[in-house]
Protein backbone atom coordinates (compact mmCIF):
# COMPACT_ATOMS: atom_id res chain seq x y z
CA MET A 1 149.69 280.72 -32.03
CA LEU A 2 147.08 277.96 -32.43
CA VAL A 3 144.47 280.64 -33.16
CA ALA A 4 146.77 282.19 -35.78
CA LEU A 5 147.33 278.75 -37.32
CA ALA A 6 143.59 278.10 -37.59
CA ALA A 7 143.02 281.55 -39.07
CA ASN A 8 145.77 281.00 -41.65
CA LEU A 9 144.27 277.68 -42.70
CA VAL A 10 140.85 279.28 -43.17
CA ILE A 11 142.37 282.15 -45.17
CA ALA A 12 144.39 279.69 -47.29
CA ALA A 13 141.25 277.67 -48.08
CA ALA A 14 139.31 280.82 -49.01
CA LYS A 15 142.14 282.05 -51.26
CA ALA A 16 142.44 278.65 -52.94
CA VAL A 17 138.70 278.41 -53.64
CA GLY A 18 138.59 281.99 -54.92
CA GLY A 19 141.73 281.49 -57.01
CA LEU A 20 140.40 278.32 -58.65
CA ALA A 21 136.99 279.89 -59.28
CA ALA A 22 138.47 282.99 -60.88
CA GLY A 23 141.51 281.34 -62.45
CA SER A 24 143.62 284.01 -60.76
CA PRO A 25 147.39 283.29 -60.56
CA ALA A 26 147.92 286.04 -57.99
CA LEU A 27 145.20 284.66 -55.72
CA LEU A 28 146.56 281.11 -56.09
CA SER A 29 150.04 282.43 -55.24
CA GLU A 30 148.64 283.97 -52.09
CA ALA A 31 146.90 280.67 -51.26
CA ALA A 32 150.29 278.92 -51.47
CA HIS A 33 151.74 281.71 -49.34
CA SER A 34 149.12 281.11 -46.63
CA VAL A 35 149.70 277.33 -46.74
CA ALA A 36 153.44 277.94 -46.29
CA ASP A 37 152.73 280.27 -43.35
CA SER A 38 150.50 277.60 -41.77
CA MET A 39 153.20 274.94 -42.09
CA ASN A 40 155.75 277.34 -40.66
CA GLU A 41 153.58 277.99 -37.62
CA VAL A 42 153.53 274.23 -37.03
CA PHE A 43 157.35 274.29 -37.17
CA LEU A 44 157.48 277.20 -34.73
CA LEU A 45 155.15 275.45 -32.29
CA ALA A 46 157.50 272.46 -32.40
CA ALA A 47 160.47 274.79 -31.83
CA LEU A 48 158.91 276.41 -28.76
CA ARG A 49 157.95 273.07 -27.25
CA ARG A 50 161.19 271.18 -27.94
CA SER A 51 163.63 273.99 -27.09
CA ARG A 52 162.33 274.15 -23.49
CA ARG A 53 163.44 270.62 -22.65
CA PRO A 54 166.10 270.49 -19.91
CA ALA A 55 169.65 269.36 -20.58
CA ASP A 56 170.35 265.63 -20.41
CA ARG A 57 173.27 263.26 -20.91
CA ARG A 58 173.01 263.26 -24.71
CA HIS A 59 172.62 267.03 -24.90
CA PRO A 60 174.51 268.51 -21.94
CA PHE A 61 174.10 272.06 -23.23
CA GLY A 62 170.33 271.75 -23.55
CA TYR A 63 167.99 271.97 -26.52
CA GLY A 64 168.01 275.73 -27.08
CA LYS A 65 169.25 275.32 -30.68
CA GLU A 66 166.02 273.54 -31.56
CA ARG A 67 164.59 277.01 -32.25
CA PHE A 68 167.28 277.64 -34.84
CA PHE A 69 166.73 274.26 -36.53
CA TRP A 70 162.97 274.66 -36.86
CA SER A 71 163.41 278.25 -38.05
CA LEU A 72 165.63 276.87 -40.83
CA LEU A 73 162.88 274.42 -41.81
CA ALA A 74 160.40 277.30 -41.81
CA ALA A 75 162.65 279.22 -44.22
CA VAL A 76 162.83 276.20 -46.52
CA GLY A 77 159.03 275.92 -46.37
CA ILE A 78 158.60 279.57 -47.36
CA PHE A 79 161.00 279.09 -50.29
CA VAL A 80 159.58 275.83 -51.66
CA MET A 81 155.85 276.12 -50.94
CA GLY A 82 155.46 279.86 -51.35
CA GLY A 83 158.22 281.24 -53.56
CA CYS A 84 158.54 278.47 -56.13
CA PHE A 85 154.77 278.01 -56.53
CA SER A 86 154.31 281.77 -57.02
CA PHE A 87 156.99 281.80 -59.73
CA PHE A 88 155.27 278.87 -61.41
CA GLN A 89 151.90 280.65 -61.39
CA GLY A 90 153.38 283.86 -62.79
CA ILE A 91 155.30 282.13 -65.59
CA GLU A 92 152.32 279.93 -66.53
CA ALA A 93 150.03 282.99 -66.69
CA LEU A 94 152.46 284.81 -68.98
CA ALA A 95 152.82 281.77 -71.22
CA SER A 96 149.14 280.84 -71.53
CA GLY A 97 147.30 284.12 -70.96
CA GLY A 98 144.14 284.29 -68.86
CA GLU A 99 140.42 284.83 -69.13
CA GLU A 100 138.81 287.62 -67.17
CA LYS A 101 135.92 286.45 -64.98
CA LEU A 102 134.59 289.58 -63.36
CA GLY A 103 132.38 287.85 -60.81
CA GLY A 104 135.14 285.55 -59.64
CA TYR A 105 137.56 288.44 -59.40
CA VAL A 106 135.20 290.51 -57.29
CA ALA A 107 134.83 287.58 -54.88
CA GLY A 108 138.61 287.14 -54.92
CA LEU A 109 139.19 290.79 -54.08
CA ILE A 110 136.76 290.51 -51.17
CA VAL A 111 138.70 287.49 -49.87
CA LEU A 112 141.97 289.39 -50.21
CA GLY A 113 140.50 292.42 -48.45
CA ILE A 114 139.50 290.27 -45.47
CA ALA A 115 142.92 288.60 -45.52
CA LEU A 116 144.63 292.01 -45.54
CA LEU A 117 142.75 293.04 -42.40
CA ALA A 118 143.57 289.75 -40.67
CA GLU A 119 147.24 289.80 -41.65
CA GLY A 120 147.57 293.45 -40.69
CA ALA A 121 146.14 292.75 -37.24
CA SER A 122 148.53 289.81 -36.84
CA LEU A 123 151.50 291.99 -37.85
CA LEU A 124 150.55 294.66 -35.33
CA ARG A 125 150.26 292.01 -32.62
CA ALA A 126 153.73 290.62 -33.51
CA LEU A 127 155.28 294.11 -33.49
CA TYR A 128 153.70 294.75 -30.10
CA GLN A 129 155.31 291.53 -28.84
CA VAL A 130 158.68 292.70 -30.20
CA ARG A 131 158.27 295.96 -28.33
CA ARG A 132 157.41 294.12 -25.10
CA GLN A 133 160.60 292.07 -25.41
CA GLY A 134 162.85 295.11 -25.52
CA GLY A 135 162.42 296.73 -28.93
CA THR A 136 163.62 295.85 -32.41
CA VAL A 137 167.14 294.63 -31.59
CA ALA A 138 166.36 292.66 -28.43
CA GLY A 139 162.96 291.40 -29.51
CA LEU A 140 164.10 290.07 -32.88
CA ARG A 141 166.82 287.92 -31.28
CA ASP A 142 164.13 285.27 -30.89
CA PRO A 143 164.17 283.31 -34.19
CA ALA A 144 160.55 282.24 -33.69
CA LEU A 145 159.34 285.82 -33.19
CA ARG A 146 161.58 287.03 -36.01
CA THR A 147 160.01 284.46 -38.34
CA VAL A 148 156.49 285.48 -37.28
CA VAL A 149 157.23 289.17 -37.97
CA ALA A 150 158.76 288.28 -41.35
CA GLU A 151 155.78 286.09 -42.25
CA ASP A 152 153.21 288.69 -41.26
CA GLY A 153 155.09 291.49 -43.00
CA THR A 154 155.43 289.54 -46.24
CA ALA A 155 151.78 288.45 -45.94
CA VAL A 156 150.59 292.07 -45.82
CA LEU A 157 152.85 293.04 -48.73
CA GLY A 158 151.93 289.91 -50.69
CA VAL A 159 148.19 290.48 -50.32
CA THR A 160 148.68 294.11 -51.37
CA LEU A 161 150.55 293.00 -54.50
CA ALA A 162 147.85 290.45 -55.30
CA ILE A 163 145.09 293.05 -54.93
CA ALA A 164 146.97 295.47 -57.18
CA GLY A 165 147.62 292.80 -59.80
CA MET A 166 144.02 291.58 -59.86
CA ALA A 167 142.62 295.13 -59.97
CA LEU A 168 144.88 296.14 -62.86
CA HIS A 169 143.99 292.92 -64.69
CA MET A 170 140.30 293.77 -64.32
CA VAL A 171 140.78 297.37 -65.48
CA THR A 172 143.12 296.72 -68.44
CA GLY A 173 142.23 293.15 -69.38
CA GLN A 174 145.96 292.37 -69.48
CA VAL A 175 147.02 289.28 -67.52
CA VAL A 176 150.60 290.56 -67.44
CA TRP A 177 149.73 292.70 -64.42
CA GLU A 178 148.56 289.73 -62.40
CA ALA A 179 151.42 287.53 -63.61
CA SER A 180 153.85 290.26 -62.56
CA ALA A 181 152.19 290.35 -59.13
CA SER A 182 152.71 286.56 -58.79
CA LEU A 183 156.37 286.88 -59.77
CA ALA A 184 156.82 289.75 -57.30
CA ILE A 185 155.24 287.68 -54.53
CA GLY A 186 157.58 284.80 -55.40
CA ALA A 187 160.64 287.07 -55.34
CA LEU A 188 159.55 288.52 -52.00
CA LEU A 189 159.11 285.07 -50.44
CA VAL A 190 162.44 283.79 -51.77
CA TYR A 191 164.23 286.84 -50.35
CA VAL A 192 162.60 286.44 -46.92
CA ALA A 193 163.37 282.71 -46.95
CA TYR A 194 167.02 283.46 -47.79
CA ARG A 195 167.38 285.95 -44.93
CA LEU A 196 165.71 283.68 -42.37
CA GLY A 197 167.68 280.66 -43.57
CA ARG A 198 170.98 282.54 -43.40
CA ASP A 199 170.33 283.68 -39.83
CA ALA A 200 169.32 280.16 -38.75
CA ARG A 201 172.40 278.67 -40.41
CA ASP A 202 174.74 281.08 -38.59
CA GLN A 203 173.16 280.19 -35.26
CA LEU A 204 173.20 276.43 -35.92
CA ILE A 205 176.88 276.26 -36.82
CA GLY A 206 177.85 278.15 -33.67
CA GLU A 207 177.37 281.91 -33.72
CA ALA A 208 179.31 283.90 -31.14
CA ALA A 209 177.53 285.97 -28.52
CA ASP A 210 177.01 289.60 -29.46
CA ARG A 211 180.01 291.91 -29.37
CA GLU A 212 178.73 293.90 -26.42
CA ALA A 213 178.46 290.80 -24.21
CA SER A 214 181.88 289.52 -25.32
CA GLY A 215 183.39 292.93 -24.64
CA ARG A 216 181.92 293.06 -21.13
CA ILE A 217 183.31 289.60 -20.37
CA ARG A 218 186.77 290.51 -21.66
CA GLU A 219 186.84 293.75 -19.66
CA LEU A 220 185.73 291.91 -16.52
CA LEU A 221 188.52 289.35 -16.94
CA ARG A 222 191.15 292.03 -17.52
CA ALA A 223 190.00 293.88 -14.40
CA GLN A 224 190.71 290.91 -12.12
CA PRO A 225 193.94 291.51 -10.13
CA GLU A 226 194.84 287.81 -10.26
CA ILE A 227 194.74 287.67 -14.08
CA ASP A 228 197.95 288.68 -15.81
CA SER A 229 196.53 288.40 -19.35
CA VAL A 230 193.55 287.02 -21.28
CA GLU A 231 195.03 284.62 -23.81
CA ALA A 232 191.75 283.72 -25.57
CA LEU A 233 188.00 284.21 -25.19
CA PHE A 234 185.40 282.10 -27.00
CA THR A 235 181.61 282.47 -26.85
CA MET A 236 178.80 280.59 -28.58
CA LYS A 237 175.04 280.92 -28.45
CA THR A 238 173.46 277.68 -27.28
CA GLY A 239 169.90 279.02 -27.27
CA LEU A 240 167.81 282.15 -27.27
CA ASP A 241 168.83 283.18 -23.73
CA SER A 242 171.85 280.95 -23.16
CA ALA A 243 175.49 281.07 -24.19
CA LEU A 244 178.69 279.16 -23.61
CA VAL A 245 181.78 281.11 -22.48
CA ALA A 246 185.28 279.63 -22.54
CA ALA A 247 188.32 281.71 -21.58
CA ARG A 248 192.02 280.92 -21.40
CA VAL A 249 193.68 283.18 -18.83
CA ASP A 250 197.21 283.55 -17.50
CA LEU A 251 197.32 284.17 -13.74
CA VAL A 252 199.92 286.19 -11.90
CA PRO A 253 202.72 284.08 -10.44
CA GLY A 254 202.74 282.96 -6.82
CA LEU A 255 199.16 281.69 -6.46
CA ASP A 256 198.74 278.32 -4.78
CA SER A 257 196.18 275.76 -6.02
CA GLU A 258 193.57 276.64 -3.37
CA ARG A 259 193.77 280.34 -4.24
CA VAL A 260 193.49 279.54 -7.95
CA GLU A 261 190.30 277.57 -7.28
CA ASP A 262 188.79 280.43 -5.25
CA VAL A 263 189.69 282.93 -7.97
CA ALA A 264 188.12 280.76 -10.68
CA VAL A 265 184.86 280.41 -8.74
CA ARG A 266 184.68 284.15 -8.09
CA ILE A 267 185.34 285.02 -11.74
CA LYS A 268 182.66 282.61 -12.98
CA ARG A 269 180.11 284.14 -10.62
CA SER A 270 181.08 287.64 -11.77
CA ILE A 271 180.64 286.67 -15.43
CA ALA A 272 177.24 285.09 -14.69
CA ARG A 273 176.08 288.29 -12.97
CA THR A 274 177.43 290.54 -15.73
CA VAL A 275 176.09 288.44 -18.64
CA PRO A 276 173.00 286.51 -17.42
CA GLU A 277 172.74 284.44 -20.62
CA ALA A 278 176.19 282.93 -19.93
CA ASP A 279 174.98 279.75 -18.23
CA GLN A 280 177.98 277.59 -19.20
CA ILE A 281 181.33 279.11 -18.18
CA PHE A 282 184.71 277.41 -18.50
CA LEU A 283 188.08 278.84 -17.43
CA ASP A 284 191.34 277.37 -18.66
CA VAL A 285 194.01 278.62 -16.27
CA THR A 286 197.44 278.61 -17.89
CA ASP A 287 200.92 279.66 -16.86
CA ARG A 288 202.39 281.41 -19.87
CA ARG A 289 205.92 281.36 -18.51
CA ALA A 290 205.74 277.66 -17.72
CA ARG A 291 204.23 276.96 -21.13
CA GLU A 292 206.91 278.95 -22.93
CA ALA A 293 209.55 277.10 -20.95
CA ALA A 294 207.98 273.74 -21.81
CA GLU A 295 207.93 274.66 -25.50
CA SER A 296 211.56 275.82 -25.52
CA PRO A 297 214.16 273.84 -27.53
CA ALA A 298 215.82 272.69 -24.29
CA ALA A 299 212.59 271.17 -23.00
CA THR A 300 211.53 269.59 -26.30
CA GLY A 301 214.96 268.25 -27.18
CA GLU A 302 215.27 270.33 -30.34
CA ARG A 303 218.60 271.85 -31.24
CA GLY A 304 218.75 275.62 -31.53
CA GLY A 305 221.30 278.08 -32.76
CA ALA A 306 223.97 277.68 -35.37
C-alpha cells in the first residue's frame, strides 16, 4: 500500500502540473481525485495498523471497529476533496469559458494515459485480492479492501471521463464537454463516497452479523436437547472477522446448577466452531415458567380480575 500511495502522489502531482499548464478543469478534477485517493490510503494504513491492537481494559471487545471508522473518514475525504472540487471546476469552466492550448492538452492527455494504465493495473491487483479472499461477497466484507476497489474503479472511470472531455474539447473547441466531464467526475465521487459512508455508518452503530451466520446459530441452539426455547438472539459485528453473540434461552426443567454450567460451556464451544468469527459469546439462561410466575399479579401484588 505504501507503493500505491507513492504512485498516487506522483500521479496527482503530474495531473496538477498538467492541469495548471493547460488550464484544464477535467485534469484539475482528476488531480483532486488523486489527492483524495492518497489521503484515503493514509487513512486505510491507519485502519490496518490500529485495528490489529489486542483488547484491553478500556476496549474489552478489541479495536476491530477502527477499520469502519477510518473507512468513514476516507468516504468524507472522497466527498470533500474529490467530489466538491470537481463540481467547482466544472461550474467555473461553464461560467467563465476556457482557452484551448493544444500543446498543454496533448501533454495532459499523455499524463492521463499513463494514469489510466497505472490505475487499471491497481484495479486488477485489488480485484485479484478480492478473489483470493473468497470472491466478491466474502472479499468485499473488508471495508479497507472495499474502499480500495471503489477508489481504483472510480479512478479508472474518472480518468476515462477526463480523457473524453479533453479530447472533445480539443476537437470541437467547446469547453462544455470538459466542464461536463468534471461534473460527471464529481457526481461519481459523491456517489461512491455516499455508498462507502453508508456502509461504514451501519457497521459503526452496530450492524448485526450476516443472516446466514445468525441462522446457523439459531438452528444450533434449537437443536440442543437442554434448550426448551430460544427467547432472543442478538449479534453484532465488532470487527472484520469478529462478532458478539448474545442469546437468551429457556432450558428444560429439572436441570441442576452444575448441569446448567456444563450445558452453557458446551453450547458456547459449539457456536464458536460453527461460526468462527463469534469470539464473544454470552448466554442468558432463563426459566420462562419462573419468570411468568414472578410477573404474575399474585407475585407483584397487583389486583386482578373484576
